[in-house]
Protein backbone atom coordinates (compact mmCIF):
# COMPACT_ATOMS: atom_id res chain seq x y z
CA MET A 1 32.33 3.22 -0.57
CA LYS A 2 33.89 0.15 0.78
CA LEU A 3 32.55 -3.02 2.63
CA LEU A 4 33.76 -2.19 6.51
CA SER A 5 31.98 1.90 5.64
CA ARG A 6 28.91 0.44 4.05
CA THR A 7 28.78 -2.03 7.00
CA SER A 8 29.23 -0.08 9.89
CA TYR A 9 26.50 2.77 7.89
CA ILE A 10 24.18 0.12 7.92
CA LEU A 11 24.98 -1.48 11.34
CA ILE A 12 24.85 2.47 13.03
CA THR A 13 21.99 3.46 11.27
CA THR A 14 19.97 0.63 12.10
CA ILE A 15 21.04 0.90 16.02
CA LEU A 16 20.53 4.38 15.81
CA PHE A 17 16.68 3.56 14.56
CA VAL A 18 16.19 0.88 17.07
CA VAL A 19 17.57 3.17 19.68
CA PHE A 20 15.02 6.45 18.94
CA ILE A 21 12.40 3.68 18.42
CA GLY A 22 13.45 2.24 21.94
CA SER A 23 13.91 5.35 23.62
CA ILE A 24 10.43 6.93 22.55
CA VAL A 25 8.70 3.50 24.07
CA PHE A 26 11.08 4.08 27.00
CA TYR A 27 9.98 7.68 27.79
CA ILE A 28 6.50 7.08 27.52
CA ILE A 29 6.81 4.06 29.54
CA LEU A 30 9.00 5.75 32.15
CA LYS A 31 6.56 9.08 31.99
CA SER A 32 3.26 6.72 32.49
CA THR A 33 4.80 4.69 35.02
CA THR A 34 5.85 8.18 37.02
CA ASP A 35 2.62 9.23 36.68
CA ARG A 36 0.75 6.27 37.94
CA GLU A 37 3.01 5.95 41.07
CA ILE A 38 2.38 9.73 41.66
CA LYS A 39 -1.44 9.42 41.18
CA LYS A 40 -1.22 6.75 43.61
CA GLU A 41 0.26 8.75 46.08
CA LEU A 42 -2.37 11.56 45.56
CA GLN A 43 -5.40 8.72 45.99
CA SER A 44 -3.21 7.67 49.51
CA THR A 45 -3.53 11.19 50.99
CA MET A 46 -6.61 12.01 49.66
CA GLN A 47 -7.91 8.73 51.40
CA SER A 48 -6.44 9.44 54.77
CA ILE A 49 -8.04 12.84 54.80
CA ILE A 50 -11.24 11.98 53.57
CA HIS A 51 -11.13 9.18 56.44
CA GLU A 52 -10.41 11.69 58.74
CA PHE A 53 -13.00 13.81 57.94
CA LYS A 54 -15.40 10.86 58.18
CA GLU A 55 -14.41 10.27 61.42
CA ASN A 56 -14.93 14.10 62.85
CA PRO A 57 -16.71 16.02 60.70
CA ASN A 58 -16.02 18.74 63.11
CA VAL A 59 -12.33 18.67 62.43
CA TYR A 60 -13.03 21.31 59.58
CA SER A 61 -12.38 24.49 61.31
CA GLY A 62 -9.53 23.51 63.39
CA LEU A 63 -8.23 21.01 60.70
CA SER A 64 -4.15 21.35 60.43
CA LEU A 65 -3.00 20.42 56.60
CA PRO A 66 0.56 21.10 54.77
CA GLY A 67 0.75 24.04 52.41
CA TYR A 68 -0.13 20.95 49.80
CA ILE A 69 -3.23 20.09 50.65
CA THR A 70 -6.33 22.61 50.67
CA VAL A 71 -9.76 21.94 51.92
CA GLU A 72 -12.85 24.39 51.19
CA LYS A 73 -16.70 24.40 51.73
CA VAL A 74 -18.45 24.53 48.09
CA ASN A 75 -22.10 24.63 47.18
CA ALA A 76 -23.61 21.42 46.70
CA GLU A 77 -24.07 22.80 42.89
CA GLY A 78 -20.52 22.59 41.77
CA HIS A 79 -20.57 18.85 43.04
CA TYR A 80 -18.49 16.96 40.69
CA GLN A 81 -16.57 13.53 40.34
CA PRO A 82 -12.82 13.79 41.59
CA PHE A 83 -10.18 14.56 38.50
CA TYR A 84 -6.11 15.22 38.20
CA LYS A 85 -4.71 18.08 35.82
CA ASP A 86 -1.48 19.30 35.73
CA THR A 87 -0.84 22.92 36.68
CA ILE A 88 1.85 25.74 37.27
CA LEU A 89 2.78 27.23 40.95
CA LEU A 90 4.87 30.14 41.90
CA ASP A 91 7.38 28.66 44.44
CA GLU A 92 8.39 31.29 46.95
CA LEU A 93 11.75 29.94 47.75
CA ASP A 94 13.46 30.20 44.33
CA ASN A 95 10.60 32.30 43.13
CA SER A 96 10.35 30.01 39.93
CA TYR A 97 7.47 28.29 38.48
CA LYS A 98 7.11 24.83 38.69
CA GLN A 99 4.86 21.66 37.98
CA TYR A 100 2.53 19.98 40.00
CA LYS A 101 0.05 17.03 39.66
CA LEU A 102 -3.52 18.50 41.35
CA PHE A 103 -6.01 15.72 42.33
CA ILE A 104 -9.27 17.60 43.18
CA SER A 105 -12.15 15.31 45.15
CA GLU A 106 -15.44 16.52 46.96
CA ILE A 107 -16.71 14.82 49.54
CA LYS A 108 -20.17 15.06 51.28
CA ILE A 109 -20.41 15.02 55.04
CA ASN A 110 -23.69 15.86 56.50
CA SER A 111 -25.39 18.02 54.36
CA ASP A 112 -22.33 20.26 53.70
CA PHE A 113 -19.69 19.42 50.76
CA TYR A 114 -16.15 20.18 51.09
CA ARG A 115 -13.51 20.23 48.16
CA ILE A 116 -9.96 18.89 48.81
CA CYS A 117 -7.32 19.57 46.71
CA ILE A 118 -3.96 18.00 46.69
CA TYR A 119 -0.95 19.47 44.72
CA LYS A 120 2.19 17.24 44.37
CA SER A 121 5.56 18.54 42.67
CA LEU A 122 6.55 16.62 39.41
CA ASN A 123 10.24 18.65 39.69
CA VAL A 124 11.69 15.64 41.34
CA SER A 125 10.02 13.03 39.00
CA THR A 126 10.72 15.37 36.13
CA GLN A 127 14.38 15.43 37.21
CA LEU A 128 14.54 11.82 37.50
CA ILE A 129 13.31 11.39 34.07
CA GLU A 130 16.19 13.62 32.69
CA ARG A 131 18.70 11.82 34.60
CA ILE A 132 18.23 8.11 33.56
CA THR A 133 16.93 9.71 29.75
CA LEU A 134 21.05 11.18 30.08
CA ILE A 135 22.29 8.29 31.53
CA VAL A 136 20.55 5.85 29.36
CA SER A 137 21.65 8.15 26.18
CA ILE A 138 25.25 7.99 27.30
CA ILE A 139 25.03 4.02 27.54
CA ILE A 140 23.58 4.22 24.40
CA ILE A 141 26.80 6.29 22.34
CA ILE A 142 29.28 4.28 24.40
CA PHE A 143 27.51 0.86 23.00
CA ILE A 144 27.55 2.24 19.48
CA LEU A 145 31.39 3.50 19.50
CA PHE A 146 32.13 0.01 20.83
CA ILE A 147 30.24 -1.68 18.35
CA TYR A 148 31.63 0.19 15.64
CA LEU A 149 35.28 0.03 16.97
CA LEU A 150 34.75 -3.79 17.89
CA ASN A 151 33.33 -4.42 13.92
CA ARG A 152 36.19 -2.92 12.86
CA PHE A 153 38.57 -4.97 14.76
CA ILE A 154 37.21 -7.74 13.78
CA PHE A 155 36.45 -6.78 10.32
CA GLU A 156 39.95 -6.28 9.67
CA ARG A 157 40.91 -9.35 11.41
CA ILE A 158 38.42 -11.66 9.36
CA TRP A 159 38.83 -9.68 5.87
CA SER A 160 42.40 -10.33 6.00
CA ASP A 161 42.65 -13.06 3.74
CA PHE A 162 40.62 -11.52 1.37
CA PHE A 163 42.66 -8.26 1.02
CA LEU A 164 45.87 -10.49 0.78
CA THR A 165 43.76 -11.95 -2.31
CA VAL A 166 42.92 -8.85 -3.82
CA LYS A 167 46.42 -7.68 -3.75
CA LYS A 168 47.68 -10.46 -5.28
CA LEU A 169 45.42 -10.18 -8.26
CA LYS A 170 45.73 -6.22 -8.94
CA SER A 171 49.66 -6.98 -8.86
CA TYR A 172 49.21 -10.32 -11.13
CA ASN A 173 50.30 -9.72 -15.25
CA VAL A 174 49.58 -12.79 -17.37
CA ASN A 175 52.10 -11.40 -19.51
CA LYS A 176 55.42 -10.84 -17.24
CA GLU A 177 54.29 -13.40 -14.51
CA SER A 178 54.24 -17.37 -14.08
CA LYS A 179 51.27 -18.42 -12.13
CA ILE A 180 50.45 -17.35 -8.55
CA HIS A 181 49.37 -18.96 -5.73
CA PHE A 182 46.23 -18.50 -3.04
CA GLU A 183 46.86 -19.70 0.08
CA ASN A 184 44.07 -21.84 2.05
CA SER A 185 42.23 -19.52 4.80
CA GLU A 186 40.63 -20.37 7.85
CA ILE A 187 37.40 -19.05 6.99
CA ALA A 188 35.48 -21.69 4.38
CA GLU A 189 34.16 -18.87 2.19
CA PHE A 190 37.37 -17.25 1.62
CA SER A 191 39.50 -20.64 0.95
CA LEU A 192 36.69 -21.67 -1.58
CA LEU A 193 37.16 -18.60 -3.42
CA ASN A 194 40.93 -19.13 -2.92
CA SER A 195 40.68 -22.10 -4.41
CA THR A 196 38.04 -21.50 -7.42
CA LEU A 197 41.16 -18.39 -8.51
CA ASN A 198 44.01 -20.99 -8.26
CA LYS A 199 41.95 -22.89 -11.09
CA MET A 200 40.73 -19.92 -12.79
CA ILE A 201 44.48 -18.28 -12.70
CA SER A 202 46.12 -21.21 -13.90
CA LYS A 203 43.43 -21.85 -16.77
CA LEU A 204 43.61 -18.62 -18.01
CA HIS A 205 47.96 -18.44 -18.06
CA ASP A 206 47.70 -21.78 -19.81
CA ASP A 207 45.28 -20.65 -22.19
CA TYR A 208 46.93 -17.12 -22.71
CA VAL A 209 50.54 -19.33 -22.75
CA ASN A 210 48.82 -21.02 -25.64
CA LEU A 211 47.16 -18.26 -27.56
CA LYS A 212 50.61 -16.07 -27.30
CA GLU A 213 52.06 -19.44 -29.11
CA PHE A 214 49.19 -19.93 -31.76
CA THR A 215 49.70 -16.13 -32.60
CA GLY A 216 52.99 -16.49 -33.05
CA ASN A 217 53.31 -19.39 -34.98
CA ILE A 218 49.74 -18.29 -37.46
CA SER A 219 51.40 -15.03 -38.17
CA HIS A 220 54.74 -16.73 -39.22
CA GLU A 221 53.29 -19.63 -41.16
CA ILE A 222 51.31 -18.13 -42.83
CA GLN A 223 53.40 -15.67 -44.29
CA THR A 224 55.10 -18.69 -46.22
CA PRO A 225 51.97 -19.76 -48.51
CA LEU A 226 51.27 -15.83 -49.08
CA ALA A 227 54.73 -15.55 -50.24
CA ILE A 228 54.80 -18.44 -52.66
CA ILE A 229 51.34 -17.16 -53.65
CA ARG A 230 52.57 -13.84 -54.42
CA LEU A 231 56.07 -15.37 -56.10
CA LYS A 232 53.99 -18.00 -58.62
CA CYS A 233 51.90 -15.49 -59.36
CA GLU A 234 54.65 -13.47 -61.05
CA LEU A 235 55.90 -16.30 -62.59
CA LEU A 236 52.69 -17.11 -64.10
CA LEU A 237 53.02 -13.31 -65.63
CA GLN A 238 56.66 -13.79 -66.94
CA SER A 239 56.66 -17.10 -67.89
CA MET A 240 53.75 -17.41 -70.96
CA PRO A 241 52.23 -15.04 -73.23
CA LEU A 242 48.88 -14.49 -71.75
CA ASN A 243 45.16 -13.17 -72.23
CA ASN A 244 43.67 -10.04 -70.97
CA ARG A 245 41.36 -12.39 -68.68
CA GLN A 246 44.21 -14.72 -67.51
CA ALA A 247 46.67 -11.87 -66.42
CA GLU A 248 43.47 -9.92 -65.04
CA LEU A 249 42.77 -13.26 -62.90
CA ILE A 250 46.23 -13.14 -62.04
CA ARG A 251 46.44 -9.56 -60.67
CA ASP A 252 43.60 -10.35 -58.37
CA ILE A 253 44.85 -12.95 -57.27
CA GLN A 254 47.74 -10.91 -56.24
CA LYS A 255 45.72 -7.94 -55.07
CA THR A 256 43.49 -10.44 -52.58
CA ASN A 257 47.05 -11.80 -51.43
CA SER A 258 48.56 -8.40 -50.99
CA ARG A 259 44.56 -7.65 -48.58
CA LEU A 260 45.39 -11.14 -46.97
CA SER A 261 49.03 -10.41 -45.80
CA LYS A 262 47.96 -7.16 -44.65
CA LEU A 263 45.11 -8.21 -42.82
CA ASN A 264 47.24 -10.76 -40.84
CA LYS A 265 49.85 -8.13 -39.95
CA THR A 266 46.82 -5.94 -38.71
CA LEU A 267 45.13 -8.69 -36.61
CA VAL A 268 48.41 -10.02 -35.22
CA LEU A 269 49.35 -6.22 -34.17
CA PHE A 270 45.98 -6.08 -32.37
CA THR A 271 46.46 -9.40 -30.58
CA LYS A 272 49.90 -8.07 -29.43
CA ILE A 273 48.17 -4.99 -27.91
CA ASP A 274 45.76 -6.78 -26.07
CA ASN A 275 48.12 -8.95 -24.81
CA ASP A 276 50.31 -5.98 -23.59
CA GLN A 277 53.09 -7.34 -26.18
CA PHE A 278 54.97 -3.64 -26.37
CA THR A 279 56.48 -3.06 -23.33
CA HIS A 280 59.64 -1.38 -24.92
CA LYS A 281 59.32 2.41 -24.26
CA GLU A 282 61.44 5.31 -25.20
CA ARG A 283 61.01 9.55 -25.65
CA ILE A 284 59.62 9.75 -29.32
CA SER A 285 59.40 13.55 -31.05
CA ILE A 286 55.48 13.70 -32.19
CA ASP A 287 57.29 16.64 -34.76
CA GLU A 288 59.87 14.40 -35.85
CA LEU A 289 57.97 11.52 -36.34
CA ILE A 290 55.24 13.37 -38.74
CA LYS A 291 58.04 14.77 -40.72
CA SER A 292 59.40 11.50 -41.26
CA HIS A 293 56.58 10.24 -42.93
CA LEU A 294 55.52 13.23 -44.82
CA ASP A 295 57.87 12.45 -47.83
CA ASP A 296 56.39 8.93 -47.97
CA PHE A 297 52.79 10.79 -49.16
CA THR A 298 54.32 13.57 -51.30
CA SER A 299 53.96 11.00 -54.50
CA LEU A 300 50.48 10.17 -54.09
CA THR A 301 49.18 13.86 -52.74
CA LYS A 302 50.83 15.09 -55.81
CA LEU A 303 49.14 12.29 -58.12
CA ARG A 304 45.50 13.50 -56.82
CA ASN A 305 46.51 17.41 -56.52
CA ILE A 306 46.11 16.94 -52.83
CA ASP A 307 47.69 20.25 -50.91
CA LEU A 308 49.57 18.97 -47.94
CA LYS A 309 50.19 21.38 -44.95
CA TYR A 310 51.75 21.00 -41.73
CA LEU A 311 51.71 23.44 -39.04
CA MET A 312 53.87 22.87 -35.97
CA THR A 313 53.90 25.14 -32.74
CA ASP A 314 54.76 22.65 -29.77
CA ASP A 315 56.26 19.47 -30.15
CA ILE A 316 55.00 16.96 -28.10
CA PRO A 317 57.31 14.71 -26.61
CA LEU A 318 55.85 11.19 -25.64
CA ILE A 319 57.35 7.89 -23.71
CA GLY A 320 56.15 5.09 -25.76
CA ASP A 321 56.72 2.07 -27.67
CA PRO A 322 57.95 3.59 -31.05
CA MET A 323 56.45 0.93 -33.74
CA LEU A 324 52.82 2.17 -31.84
CA VAL A 325 53.28 5.40 -32.04
CA ASP A 326 54.56 5.25 -35.65
CA VAL A 327 51.60 3.24 -36.55
CA LEU A 328 49.19 5.68 -34.74
CA ILE A 329 50.92 8.41 -37.24
CA VAL A 330 51.05 6.89 -40.29
CA ASN A 331 47.34 5.62 -40.37
CA LEU A 332 46.11 8.91 -39.00
CA ILE A 333 47.86 10.40 -42.27
CA LYS A 334 46.84 7.71 -44.48
CA ASN A 335 43.34 7.98 -43.57
CA ALA A 336 43.31 11.74 -44.10
CA VAL A 337 44.81 11.24 -47.69
CA LEU A 338 43.38 7.95 -48.97
CA HIS A 339 39.89 9.13 -48.31
CA ASN A 340 40.39 12.41 -50.00
CA ILE A 341 39.15 13.73 -53.25
CA GLU A 342 40.79 15.69 -56.08
CA ASN A 343 42.08 19.18 -55.80
CA GLY A 344 41.45 18.77 -51.83
CA GLU A 345 43.82 19.05 -49.24
CA VAL A 346 45.49 17.62 -45.65
CA ILE A 347 46.26 20.14 -42.85
CA ILE A 348 48.47 18.45 -39.89
CA GLU A 349 48.42 20.52 -36.57
CA LEU A 350 50.76 19.79 -33.83
CA ASN A 351 49.61 22.36 -30.89
CA GLY A 352 49.23 22.78 -27.50
CA GLY A 353 49.26 19.12 -26.63
CA GLU A 354 47.06 17.96 -29.35
CA LEU A 355 47.57 16.66 -32.99
CA THR A 356 44.70 17.53 -35.14
CA ILE A 357 44.48 16.50 -38.87
CA SER A 358 41.59 17.64 -41.04
CA ASN A 359 41.21 16.59 -44.72
CA SER A 360 38.28 17.68 -47.51
CA GLY A 361 36.39 14.65 -48.70
CA GLU A 362 32.89 13.52 -49.29
CA LYS A 363 30.67 16.10 -47.45
CA THR A 364 28.88 13.85 -44.93
CA ASP A 365 29.15 14.14 -40.92
CA LEU A 366 30.67 10.44 -40.19
CA SER A 367 29.48 11.12 -36.29
CA ASN A 368 27.19 8.69 -36.36
CA LYS A 369 28.90 5.47 -38.33
CA ASN A 370 30.90 4.35 -35.67
CA ILE A 371 34.28 4.97 -37.81
CA LEU A 372 36.67 4.22 -34.82
CA ASP A 373 35.18 0.70 -34.73
CA ARG A 374 36.37 -2.34 -36.68
CA TYR A 375 35.83 -2.90 -39.95
CA THR A 376 33.98 0.37 -40.46
CA LYS A 377 34.46 1.50 -44.26
CA LEU A 378 34.43 5.38 -44.94
CA ASP A 379 33.83 4.00 -48.78
CA ARG A 380 32.59 1.08 -49.82
CA LYS A 381 34.33 0.81 -52.95
CA SER A 382 37.89 1.29 -51.57
CA ASP A 383 40.39 -1.51 -50.78
CA SER A 384 40.77 -0.37 -47.23
CA LEU A 385 40.53 -3.80 -44.46
CA GLY A 386 38.02 -1.17 -42.26
CA LEU A 387 41.13 -1.79 -39.40
CA GLY A 388 43.22 1.51 -39.42
CA LEU A 389 41.19 4.00 -37.35
CA SER A 390 40.56 1.11 -35.13
CA LEU A 391 44.00 0.72 -34.81
CA VAL A 392 44.59 4.28 -33.79
CA LYS A 393 41.67 3.81 -31.34
CA LYS A 394 43.31 0.99 -29.58
CA ILE A 395 46.34 2.61 -29.55
CA CYS A 396 45.11 5.72 -27.70
CA ASP A 397 43.65 3.72 -25.56
CA LEU A 398 46.29 1.69 -24.51
CA TYR A 399 48.70 5.07 -23.78
CA GLY A 400 45.51 7.12 -22.34
CA PHE A 401 45.04 9.17 -25.11
CA THR A 402 41.90 10.92 -26.32
CA ILE A 403 40.70 10.64 -30.01
CA SER A 404 37.76 12.43 -31.29
CA TYR A 405 36.15 13.38 -34.71
CA GLN A 406 34.46 16.23 -36.15
CA TYR A 407 33.03 17.55 -39.18
CA LEU A 408 33.71 21.33 -39.42
CA ASN A 409 33.88 23.82 -42.37
CA ASP A 410 33.75 20.58 -44.89
CA LEU A 411 36.59 19.08 -43.40
CA HIS A 412 36.92 15.61 -41.58
CA VAL A 413 38.87 16.35 -38.52
CA PHE A 414 40.69 13.68 -36.22
CA THR A 415 41.78 15.04 -33.00
CA ILE A 416 44.23 13.25 -30.37
CA SER A 417 45.07 14.43 -27.30
CA PHE A 418 48.14 13.73 -25.62
CA ARG A 419 47.70 14.62 -22.33
């Protein structure tokens, strides 16, 4: 939910809650005030009639009273205190029932008791309350609408600098652009934010440039001593007669040197992907790419008697960096071959926008082994760096592909969905 919608929602909800409670209180007060005024009017009328009776008790028979006042002689046994009550009477003018407030009082004149009933129509007061409530409701609705529009207008004006800052941040790419600058704002908080971002972006850009230079330098410089170590080992093996122990030590050095060289290249590749340095893109055929590498694994599969099958129904054309996609395919096939067993099988299927590579191997489900994480080895005794599958995952994340693993029918199945 956007900030404007959130603030408007909170504001309107609060106003509606206050208005709801206020309307109830307002109605109760208005109703109470109207009722009190009606009672005063009834009391005043009652006092006038009683006063007239007391002044001249003999007027009872000839008393001329309006239709909403009645006087009748009652027995002394039924005497009770004055009281009010609401009642409904039929209005003969429009033949409808209407509400009335009834005030009943009894008086004693000489030895006789008289009951006086005064009726007061509530129709006028009810209509007045309804009209006042309607007017107040309209005013409240207009007020809420005005507050919402005012809040929206003020919000857009006040937060314009913030949205401009966000727009610059969204379009900023540390790998492609130089430092960006955020202007000062009239609002102190946004001005503080922009100045902080200027310092952060400057530091981030400088750190990125330094890291990029360091990565390039270290990847270049480390190759020279590795090449020297490899050359010296070859010279040692050829220079003089060596015993088995010496030859074995030199071969271990060569093996470790080769491993270190591959590790360096792989980690540099990870860094370049993280830094978004693979910007070159072209159309790539997955079918052609797979076929170009099948021959490279033929000797290894024949040596271990591994049955390598390739089934293609639909080719998958992609747009991406040829080097990265090539690394993706090679690492998957290499993983399926290296972690296989004697007389095993590798099945490569390309169909329906998915690449599936299945291979036999240890009969163990690896679903809970986090095999796509860095330095996770499927076989602790192998010379694998534990980076191949994590590199595949990295490339998939870069291009938005989905990679999954399953253990089905004694086969380890890796599936990449390119859609």
